Amino acid sequence: MNHDSHGYWSATLGLLFKVLVVWFLVSFGAGIIFADLLNSIHLGGYPLGFWFAQQGSIYIFIALIFYYAKKMGEIDRQFDVHED
C-alpha cells in the first residue's frame, strides 16, 4: 500500500492519455481521416468508415468507459485511495 501522490497522478494521467488516444483514433481517425481507406472494407453490408462514424465509435466509447473504470479502480487500490 503506497501513498505516493506523484505516482498516483502519474498513473492516472497515463491512463487518461491512453484512453484519449484511443478515443481520438476511433472518432477522428476512423470516422474522418481514414474513412475513405476503411470504406473499401464492408461490415454488415456497410462501408467500415461509415460504420465507425455512425455506430462503431459508440461501441468503442462504451467499452472505454468500462475499461477506464476498471483500471482506475486498480490504480486506486494500488495507491490505497480506493473507496470501500
Protein backbone atom coordinates (compact mmCIF):
# COMPACT_ATOMS: atom_id res chain seq x y z
CA MET A 1 0.00 0.00 0.00
CA ASN A 2 1.57 3.15 -1.25
CA HIS A 3 0.69 6.80 -0.54
CA ASP A 4 2.79 8.30 -3.33
CA SER A 5 0.72 11.19 -4.71
CA HIS A 6 3.13 11.85 -7.59
CA GLY A 7 2.98 8.19 -8.63
CA TYR A 8 -0.81 8.16 -8.33
CA TRP A 9 -1.26 11.19 -10.58
CA SER A 10 1.33 9.88 -12.97
CA ALA A 11 -0.57 6.60 -13.31
CA THR A 12 -3.90 8.42 -13.58
CA LEU A 13 -2.68 10.79 -16.28
CA GLY A 14 -1.03 7.90 -18.14
CA LEU A 15 -4.33 6.03 -18.21
CA LEU A 16 -6.21 9.16 -19.26
CA PHE A 17 -3.74 9.75 -22.08
CA LYS A 18 -4.17 6.17 -23.36
CA VAL A 19 -7.96 6.42 -23.28
CA LEU A 20 -7.92 9.78 -25.07
CA VAL A 21 -5.60 8.45 -27.78
CA VAL A 22 -7.98 5.55 -28.46
CA TRP A 23 -10.93 7.97 -28.40
CA PHE A 24 -9.19 10.25 -30.92
CA LEU A 25 -8.18 7.41 -33.24
CA VAL A 26 -11.69 5.98 -33.26
CA SER A 27 -13.67 9.20 -33.54
CA PHE A 28 -11.46 11.42 -35.67
CA GLY A 29 -9.18 8.81 -37.24
CA ALA A 30 -11.57 6.03 -38.24
CA GLY A 31 -14.59 8.28 -38.74
CA ILE A 32 -12.93 11.08 -40.72
CA ILE A 33 -9.23 10.74 -41.63
CA PHE A 34 -9.14 7.05 -42.61
CA ALA A 35 -12.81 6.81 -43.68
CA ASP A 36 -12.01 6.53 -47.40
CA LEU A 37 -9.47 3.78 -46.76
CA LEU A 38 -11.80 1.92 -44.40
CA ASN A 39 -14.74 2.21 -46.81
CA SER A 40 -13.15 -0.46 -49.01
CA ILE A 41 -13.99 -2.94 -46.20
CA HIS A 42 -17.64 -3.79 -45.58
CA LEU A 43 -19.18 -4.79 -42.24
CA GLY A 44 -22.79 -5.91 -42.22
CA GLY A 45 -23.25 -4.54 -45.74
CA TYR A 46 -22.00 -1.06 -44.85
CA PRO A 47 -18.61 0.52 -45.52
CA LEU A 48 -16.42 0.27 -42.42
CA GLY A 49 -15.64 4.01 -42.35
CA PHE A 50 -19.34 4.81 -42.33
CA TRP A 51 -19.96 2.13 -39.69
CA PHE A 52 -17.31 3.63 -37.37
CA ALA A 53 -18.67 7.13 -37.86
CA GLN A 54 -22.25 6.08 -37.13
CA GLN A 55 -22.20 3.11 -34.74
CA GLY A 56 -18.77 1.63 -34.14
CA SER A 57 -17.42 4.62 -32.29
CA ILE A 58 -20.30 4.43 -29.80
CA TYR A 59 -19.46 0.80 -29.01
CA ILE A 60 -15.80 1.68 -28.57
CA PHE A 61 -16.66 4.65 -26.32
CA ILE A 62 -18.82 2.45 -24.08
CA ALA A 63 -16.01 -0.11 -23.88
CA LEU A 64 -13.60 2.73 -22.99
CA ILE A 65 -15.85 3.79 -20.10
CA PHE A 66 -15.77 0.31 -18.61
CA TYR A 67 -12.03 -0.07 -19.24
CA TYR A 68 -11.32 3.30 -17.61
CA ALA A 69 -13.45 2.49 -14.57
CA LYS A 70 -11.76 -0.90 -14.12
CA LYS A 71 -8.24 0.48 -14.50
CA MET A 72 -8.93 3.47 -12.22
CA GLY A 73 -10.17 1.05 -9.58
CA GLU A 74 -6.92 -0.88 -9.89
CA ILE A 75 -4.86 2.32 -9.65
CA ASP A 76 -6.88 3.47 -6.62
CA ARG A 77 -6.29 0.12 -4.87
CA GLN A 78 -2.60 0.16 -5.78
CA PHE A 79 -2.13 3.56 -4.12
CA ASP A 80 -4.62 2.86 -1.30
CA VAL A 81 -7.03 5.66 -2.14
CA HIS A 82 -9.98 3.42 -3.03
CA GLU A 83 -13.45 3.64 -1.60
CA ASP A 84 -14.90 0.60 0.12
